[in-house]
Amino acid sequence: MIKFDKLFQTLKENGISQYSLYTHYGVSRSQIQRLKTNQSVTTHTLDMILNILGEGFSLNDIAEFSPDTGQEKD
């Protein structure tokens, strides 16, 4: 599972609100909601957010991977 909890902390630390994401930067409210609930989002959305944050940020600053438990491997 990919979790986006780090995203909202990183945004806060850099003075970027959810309001400004959709008002000034064009990130849709539905995509923000999907990020808040750790649902799937497009790489385009992740690219937009990293460009908003600027140089020096990577996926590791906004997302965290943890393996799903209880699933069988093929």
PDB file of N, CA and C in Angstrom:
ATOM      1  N   MET A   1       0.847  -1.176   0.000  1.00  0.00           N
ATOM      2  CA  MET A   1       0.000   0.000   0.000  1.00  0.00           C
ATOM      3  C   MET A   1       0.894   1.241   0.000  1.00  0.00           C
ATOM      4  N   ILE A   2       0.486   2.200  -0.753  1.00  0.00           N
ATOM      5  CA  ILE A   2       1.191   3.481  -0.772  1.00  0.00           C
ATOM      6  C   ILE A   2       0.378   4.474   0.036  1.00  0.00           C
ATOM      7  N   LYS A   3       1.032   5.090   1.014  1.00  0.00           N
ATOM      8  CA  LYS A   3       0.371   6.054   1.892  1.00  0.00           C
ATOM      9  C   LYS A   3       0.909   7.452   1.613  1.00  0.00           C
ATOM     10  N   PHE A   4       0.018   8.428   1.652  1.00  0.00           N
ATOM     11  CA  PHE A   4       0.387   9.807   1.355  1.00  0.00           C
ATOM     12  C   PHE A   4       0.363  10.706   2.589  1.00  0.00           C
ATOM     13  N   ASP A   5       0.458  10.104   3.774  1.00  0.00           N
ATOM     14  CA  ASP A   5       0.446  10.885   5.007  1.00  0.00           C
ATOM     15  C   ASP A   5       1.591  11.908   5.034  1.00  0.00           C
ATOM     16  N   LYS A   6       2.752  11.513   4.514  1.00  0.00           N
ATOM     17  CA  LYS A   6       3.909  12.410   4.492  1.00  0.00           C
ATOM     18  C   LYS A   6       3.651  13.645   3.634  1.00  0.00           C
ATOM     19  N   LEU A   7       2.806  13.506   2.630  1.00  0.00           N
ATOM     20  CA  LEU A   7       2.520  14.623   1.727  1.00  0.00           C
ATOM     21  C   LEU A   7       1.976  15.821   2.490  1.00  0.00           C
ATOM     22  N   PHE A   8       0.997  15.581   3.331  1.00  0.00           N
ATOM     23  CA  PHE A   8       0.328  16.695   3.999  1.00  0.00           C
ATOM     24  C   PHE A   8       1.233  17.350   5.041  1.00  0.00           C
ATOM     25  N   GLN A   9       2.126  16.578   5.650  1.00  0.00           N
ATOM     26  CA  GLN A   9       3.106  17.161   6.562  1.00  0.00           C
ATOM     27  C   GLN A   9       4.118  18.001   5.775  1.00  0.00           C
ATOM     28  N   THR A  10       4.564  17.494   4.637  1.00  0.00           N
ATOM     29  CA  THR A  10       5.524  18.226   3.791  1.00  0.00           C
ATOM     30  C   THR A  10       4.907  19.520   3.278  1.00  0.00           C
ATOM     31  N   LEU A  11       3.646  19.465   2.845  1.00  0.00           N
ATOM     32  CA  LEU A  11       2.967  20.675   2.382  1.00  0.00           C
ATOM     33  C   LEU A  11       2.896  21.710   3.505  1.00  0.00           C
ATOM     34  N   LYS A  12       2.511  21.268   4.693  1.00  0.00           N
ATOM     35  CA  LYS A  12       2.382  22.173   5.832  1.00  0.00           C
ATOM     36  C   LYS A  12       3.722  22.820   6.168  1.00  0.00           C
ATOM     37  N   GLU A  13       4.767  22.028   6.193  1.00  0.00           N
ATOM     38  CA  GLU A  13       6.104  22.537   6.504  1.00  0.00           C
ATOM     39  C   GLU A  13       6.571  23.569   5.483  1.00  0.00           C
ATOM     40  N   ASN A  14       6.033  23.499   4.277  1.00  0.00           N
ATOM     41  CA  ASN A  14       6.449  24.414   3.212  1.00  0.00           C
ATOM     42  C   ASN A  14       5.408  25.493   2.923  1.00  0.00           C
ATOM     43  N   GLY A  15       4.431  25.623   3.816  1.00  0.00           N
ATOM     44  CA  GLY A  15       3.451  26.704   3.714  1.00  0.00           C
ATOM     45  C   GLY A  15       2.481  26.582   2.556  1.00  0.00           C
ATOM     46  N   ILE A  16       2.181  25.363   2.141  1.00  0.00           N
ATOM     47  CA  ILE A  16       1.262  25.144   1.034  1.00  0.00           C
ATOM     48  C   ILE A  16       0.000  24.475   1.587  1.00  0.00           C
ATOM     49  N   SER A  17      -1.130  25.140   1.445  1.00  0.00           N
ATOM     50  CA  SER A  17      -2.388  24.591   1.959  1.00  0.00           C
ATOM     51  C   SER A  17      -3.109  23.775   0.886  1.00  0.00           C
ATOM     52  N   GLN A  18      -4.051  22.957   1.342  1.00  0.00           N
ATOM     53  CA  GLN A  18      -4.877  22.221   0.396  1.00  0.00           C
ATOM     54  C   GLN A  18      -5.675  23.191  -0.460  1.00  0.00           C
ATOM     55  N   TYR A  19      -6.116  24.283   0.144  1.00  0.00           N
ATOM     56  CA  TYR A  19      -6.859  25.315  -0.579  1.00  0.00           C
ATOM     57  C   TYR A  19      -6.027  25.861  -1.741  1.00  0.00           C
ATOM     58  N   SER A  20      -4.768  26.145  -1.496  1.00  0.00           N
ATOM     59  CA  SER A  20      -3.930  26.690  -2.565  1.00  0.00           C
ATOM     60  C   SER A  20      -3.643  25.652  -3.638  1.00  0.00           C
ATOM     61  N   LEU A  21      -3.629  24.369  -3.272  1.00  0.00           N
ATOM     62  CA  LEU A  21      -3.411  23.329  -4.277  1.00  0.00           C
ATOM     63  C   LEU A  21      -4.474  23.383  -5.364  1.00  0.00           C
ATOM     64  N   TYR A  22      -5.742  23.514  -4.965  1.00  0.00           N
ATOM     65  CA  TYR A  22      -6.775  23.522  -6.000  1.00  0.00           C
ATOM     66  C   TYR A  22      -7.096  24.912  -6.515  1.00  0.00           C
ATOM     67  N   THR A  23      -6.837  25.943  -5.721  1.00  0.00           N
ATOM     68  CA  THR A  23      -7.147  27.298  -6.174  1.00  0.00           C
ATOM     69  C   THR A  23      -6.051  27.878  -7.066  1.00  0.00           C
ATOM     70  N   HIS A  24      -4.816  27.733  -6.647  1.00  0.00           N
ATOM     71  CA  HIS A  24      -3.698  28.368  -7.361  1.00  0.00           C
ATOM     72  C   HIS A  24      -2.918  27.426  -8.286  1.00  0.00           C
ATOM     73  N   TYR A  25      -2.944  26.135  -7.955  1.00  0.00           N
ATOM     74  CA  TYR A  25      -2.093  25.209  -8.705  1.00  0.00           C
ATOM     75  C   TYR A  25      -2.850  24.237  -9.594  1.00  0.00           C
ATOM     76  N   GLY A  26      -4.170  24.206  -9.510  1.00  0.00           N
ATOM     77  CA  GLY A  26      -4.960  23.383 -10.409  1.00  0.00           C
ATOM     78  C   GLY A  26      -5.070  21.914 -10.071  1.00  0.00           C
ATOM     79  N   VAL A  27      -4.716  21.528  -8.849  1.00  0.00           N
ATOM     80  CA  VAL A  27      -4.912  20.140  -8.438  1.00  0.00           C
ATOM     81  C   VAL A  27      -6.388  19.998  -8.077  1.00  0.00           C
ATOM     82  N   SER A  28      -7.066  19.012  -8.639  1.00  0.00           N
ATOM     83  CA  SER A  28      -8.503  18.889  -8.405  1.00  0.00           C
ATOM     84  C   SER A  28      -8.783  18.471  -6.960  1.00  0.00           C
ATOM     85  N   ARG A  29      -9.927  18.893  -6.472  1.00  0.00           N
ATOM     86  CA  ARG A  29     -10.339  18.537  -5.112  1.00  0.00           C
ATOM     87  C   ARG A  29     -10.481  17.028  -4.965  1.00  0.00           C
ATOM     88  N   SER A  30     -10.940  16.382  -6.033  1.00  0.00           N
ATOM     89  CA  SER A  30     -11.106  14.926  -5.961  1.00  0.00           C
ATOM     90  C   SER A  30      -9.752  14.226  -5.812  1.00  0.00           C
ATOM     91  N   GLN A  31      -8.722  14.744  -6.467  1.00  0.00           N
ATOM     92  CA  GLN A  31      -7.394  14.143  -6.335  1.00  0.00           C
ATOM     93  C   GLN A  31      -6.846  14.361  -4.925  1.00  0.00           C
ATOM     94  N   ILE A  32      -7.104  15.534  -4.359  1.00  0.00           N
ATOM     95  CA  ILE A  32      -6.663  15.806  -2.986  1.00  0.00           C
ATOM     96  C   ILE A  32      -7.360  14.842  -2.030  1.00  0.00           C
ATOM     97  N   GLN A  33      -8.651  14.628  -2.236  1.00  0.00           N
ATOM     98  CA  GLN A  33      -9.401  13.698  -1.386  1.00  0.00           C
ATOM     99  C   GLN A  33      -8.859  12.279  -1.528  1.00  0.00           C
ATOM    100  N   ARG A  34      -8.513  11.885  -2.750  1.00  0.00           N
ATOM    101  CA  ARG A  34      -7.956  10.550  -2.973  1.00  0.00           C
ATOM    102  C   ARG A  34      -6.618  10.406  -2.249  1.00  0.00           C
ATOM    103  N   LEU A  35      -5.812  11.458  -2.259  1.00  0.00           N
ATOM    104  CA  LEU A  35      -4.536  11.428  -1.546  1.00  0.00           C
ATOM    105  C   LEU A  35      -4.760  11.328  -0.036  1.00  0.00           C
ATOM    106  N   LYS A  36      -5.746  12.056   0.467  1.00  0.00           N
ATOM    107  CA  LYS A  36      -6.035  12.045   1.902  1.00  0.00           C
ATOM    108  C   LYS A  36      -6.484  10.674   2.383  1.00  0.00           C
ATOM    109  N   THR A  37      -7.133   9.914   1.518  1.00  0.00           N
ATOM    110  CA  THR A  37      -7.643   8.596   1.896  1.00  0.00           C
ATOM    111  C   THR A  37      -6.786   7.454   1.340  1.00  0.00           C
ATOM    112  N   ASN A  38      -5.583   7.783   0.894  1.00  0.00           N
ATOM    113  CA  ASN A  38      -4.604   6.808   0.396  1.00  0.00           C
ATOM    114  C   ASN A  38      -5.152   5.936  -0.729  1.00  0.00           C
ATOM    115  N   GLN A  39      -5.952   6.533  -1.603  1.00  0.00           N
ATOM    116  CA  GLN A  39      -6.444   5.823  -2.781  1.00  0.00           C
ATOM    117  C   GLN A  39      -5.472   6.068  -3.936  1.00  0.00           C
ATOM    118  N   SER A  40      -5.682   5.365  -5.024  1.00  0.00           N
ATOM    119  CA  SER A  40      -4.773   5.507  -6.155  1.00  0.00           C
ATOM    120  C   SER A  40      -4.943   6.868  -6.833  1.00  0.00           C
ATOM    121  N   VAL A  41      -3.833   7.418  -7.259  1.00  0.00           N
ATOM    122  CA  VAL A  41      -3.814   8.667  -8.010  1.00  0.00           C
ATOM    123  C   VAL A  41      -2.880   8.477  -9.206  1.00  0.00           C
ATOM    124  N   THR A  42      -2.991   9.365 -10.157  1.00  0.00           N
ATOM    125  CA  THR A  42      -2.155   9.249 -11.350  1.00  0.00           C
ATOM    126  C   THR A  42      -0.749   9.784 -11.083  1.00  0.00           C
ATOM    127  N   THR A  43       0.179   9.330 -11.899  1.00  0.00           N
ATOM    128  CA  THR A  43       1.535   9.864 -11.800  1.00  0.00           C
ATOM    129  C   THR A  43       1.548  11.345 -12.181  1.00  0.00           C
ATOM    130  N   HIS A  44       0.600  11.751 -12.995  1.00  0.00           N
ATOM    131  CA  HIS A  44       0.481  13.166 -13.361  1.00  0.00           C
ATOM    132  C   HIS A  44       0.232  14.018 -12.106  1.00  0.00           C
ATOM    133  N   THR A  45      -0.650  13.548 -11.225  1.00  0.00           N
ATOM    134  CA  THR A  45      -0.937  14.275  -9.987  1.00  0.00           C
ATOM    135  C   THR A  45       0.310  14.350  -9.112  1.00  0.00           C
ATOM    136  N   LEU A  46       1.018  13.249  -8.973  1.00  0.00           N
ATOM    137  CA  LEU A  46       2.236  13.234  -8.170  1.00  0.00           C
ATOM    138  C   LEU A  46       3.287  14.159  -8.769  1.00  0.00           C
ATOM    139  N   ASP A  47       3.389  14.163 -10.092  1.00  0.00           N
ATOM    140  CA  ASP A  47       4.320  15.060 -10.784  1.00  0.00           C
ATOM    141  C   ASP A  47       3.961  16.522 -10.529  1.00  0.00           C
ATOM    142  N   MET A  48       2.671  16.848 -10.592  1.00  0.00           N
ATOM    143  CA  MET A  48       2.223  18.217 -10.323  1.00  0.00           C
ATOM    144  C   MET A  48       2.632  18.658  -8.916  1.00  0.00           C
ATOM    145  N   ILE A  49       2.395  17.792  -7.940  1.00  0.00           N
ATOM    146  CA  ILE A  49       2.701  18.144  -6.550  1.00  0.00           C
ATOM    147  C   ILE A  49       4.198  18.320  -6.346  1.00  0.00           C
ATOM    148  N   LEU A  50       4.995  17.453  -6.922  1.00  0.00           N
ATOM    149  CA  LEU A  50       6.448  17.602  -6.787  1.00  0.00           C
ATOM    150  C   LEU A  50       6.936  18.870  -7.469  1.00  0.00           C
ATOM    151  N   ASN A  51       6.337  19.240  -8.588  1.00  0.00           N
ATOM    152  CA  ASN A  51       6.700  20.497  -9.239  1.00  0.00           C
ATOM    153  C   ASN A  51       6.280  21.702  -8.400  1.00  0.00           C
ATOM    154  N   ILE A  52       5.158  21.598  -7.706  1.00  0.00           N
ATOM    155  CA  ILE A  52       4.717  22.674  -6.815  1.00  0.00           C
ATOM    156  C   ILE A  52       5.716  22.826  -5.668  1.00  0.00           C
ATOM    157  N   LEU A  53       6.150  21.699  -5.092  1.00  0.00           N
ATOM    158  CA  LEU A  53       7.104  21.746  -3.990  1.00  0.00           C
ATOM    159  C   LEU A  53       8.459  22.280  -4.451  1.00  0.00           C
ATOM    160  N   GLY A  54       8.849  21.913  -5.653  1.00  0.00           N
ATOM    161  CA  GLY A  54      10.080  22.446  -6.225  1.00  0.00           C
ATOM    162  C   GLY A  54      11.261  21.497  -6.159  1.00  0.00           C
ATOM    163  N   GLU A  55      12.374  22.003  -6.596  1.00  0.00           N
ATOM    164  CA  GLU A  55      13.602  21.229  -6.677  1.00  0.00           C
ATOM    165  C   GLU A  55      14.018  20.732  -5.297  1.00  0.00           C
ATOM    166  N   GLY A  56      14.537  19.524  -5.271  1.00  0.00           N
ATOM    167  CA  GLY A  56      15.016  18.962  -4.024  1.00  0.00           C
ATOM    168  C   GLY A  56      14.030  18.015  -3.353  1.00  0.00           C
ATOM    169  N   PHE A  57      12.815  17.929  -3.878  1.00  0.00           N
ATOM    170  CA  PHE A  57      11.820  17.021  -3.310  1.00  0.00           C
ATOM    171  C   PHE A  57      11.684  15.796  -4.203  1.00  0.00           C
ATOM    172  N   SER A  58      11.365  14.664  -3.578  1.00  0.00           N
ATOM    173  CA  SER A  58      11.184  13.423  -4.329  1.00  0.00           C
ATOM    174  C   SER A  58       9.945  12.703  -3.816  1.00  0.00           C
ATOM    175  N   LEU A  59       9.621  11.584  -4.447  1.00  0.00           N
ATOM    176  CA  LEU A  59       8.472  10.794  -4.018  1.00  0.00           C
ATOM    177  C   LEU A  59       8.586  10.376  -2.552  1.00  0.00           C
ATOM    178  N   ASN A  60       9.808  10.172  -2.081  1.00  0.00           N
ATOM    179  CA  ASN A  60      10.007   9.789  -0.684  1.00  0.00           C
ATOM    180  C   ASN A  60       9.543  10.868   0.283  1.00  0.00           C
ATOM    181  N   ASP A  61       9.442  12.108  -0.169  1.00  0.00           N
ATOM    182  CA  ASP A  61       8.991  13.204   0.679  1.00  0.00           C
ATOM    183  C   ASP A  61       7.472  13.280   0.780  1.00  0.00           C
ATOM    184  N   ILE A  62       6.778  12.608  -0.131  1.00  0.00           N
ATOM    185  CA  ILE A  62       5.315  12.723  -0.142  1.00  0.00           C
ATOM    186  C   ILE A  62       4.587  11.390  -0.022  1.00  0.00           C
ATOM    187  N   ALA A  63       5.299  10.282  -0.159  1.00  0.00           N
ATOM    188  CA  ALA A  63       4.643   8.977  -0.130  1.00  0.00           C
ATOM    189  C   ALA A  63       5.514   7.966   0.590  1.00  0.00           C
ATOM    190  N   GLU A  64       4.848   6.935   1.094  1.00  0.00           N
ATOM    191  CA  GLU A  64       5.541   5.855   1.791  1.00  0.00           C
ATOM    192  C   GLU A  64       4.920   4.534   1.372  1.00  0.00           C
ATOM    193  N   PHE A  65       5.760   3.576   1.065  1.00  0.00           N
ATOM    194  CA  PHE A  65       5.289   2.248   0.676  1.00  0.00           C
ATOM    195  C   PHE A  65       5.384   1.302   1.859  1.00  0.00           C
ATOM    196  N   SER A  66       4.313   0.550   2.082  1.00  0.00           N
ATOM    197  CA  SER A  66       4.349  -0.547   3.049  1.00  0.00           C
ATOM    198  C   SER A  66       3.666  -1.738   2.402  1.00  0.00           C
ATOM    199  N   PRO A  67       4.289  -2.895   2.468  1.00  0.00           N
ATOM    200  CA  PRO A  67       3.725  -4.077   1.816  1.00  0.00           C
ATOM    201  C   PRO A  67       2.351  -4.415   2.387  1.00  0.00           C
ATOM    202  N   ASP A  68       1.468  -4.876   1.510  1.00  0.00           N
ATOM    203  CA  ASP A  68       0.158  -5.349   1.942  1.00  0.00           C
ATOM    204  C   ASP A  68       0.350  -6.630   2.738  1.00  0.00           C
ATOM    205  N   THR A  69      -0.394  -6.777   3.795  1.00  0.00           N
ATOM    206  CA  THR A  69      -0.291  -7.997   4.589  1.00  0.00           C
ATOM    207  C   THR A  69      -1.413  -8.952   4.221  1.00  0.00           C
ATOM    208  N   GLY A  70      -1.118 -10.223   4.310  1.00  0.00           N
ATOM    209  CA  GLY A  70      -2.147 -11.226   4.070  1.00  0.00           C
ATOM    210  C   GLY A  70      -2.379 -11.582   2.626  1.00  0.00           C
ATOM    211  N   GLN A  71      -1.601 -11.038   1.710  1.00  0.00           N
ATOM    212  CA  GLN A  71      -1.791 -11.390   0.304  1.00  0.00           C
ATOM    213  C   GLN A  71      -0.764 -12.445  -0.094  1.00  0.00           C
ATOM    214  N   GLU A  72      -1.237 -13.405  -0.847  1.00  0.00           N
ATOM    215  CA  GLU A  72      -0.338 -14.462  -1.326  1.00  0.00           C
ATOM    216  C   GLU A  72       0.470 -13.966  -2.511  1.00  0.00           C
ATOM    217  N   LYS A  73       1.720 -14.406  -2.571  1.00  0.00           N
ATOM    218  CA  LYS A  73       2.567 -14.087  -3.710  1.00  0.00           C
ATOM    219  C   LYS A  73       2.510 -15.228  -4.700  1.00  0.00           C
ATOM    220  N   ASP A  74       2.536 -14.867  -5.989  1.00  0.00           N
ATOM    221  CA  ASP A  74       2.512 -15.900  -7.040  1.00  0.00           C
ATOM    222  C   ASP A  74       3.901 -16.415  -7.299  1.00  0.00           C
TER     223      ASP A  74
END
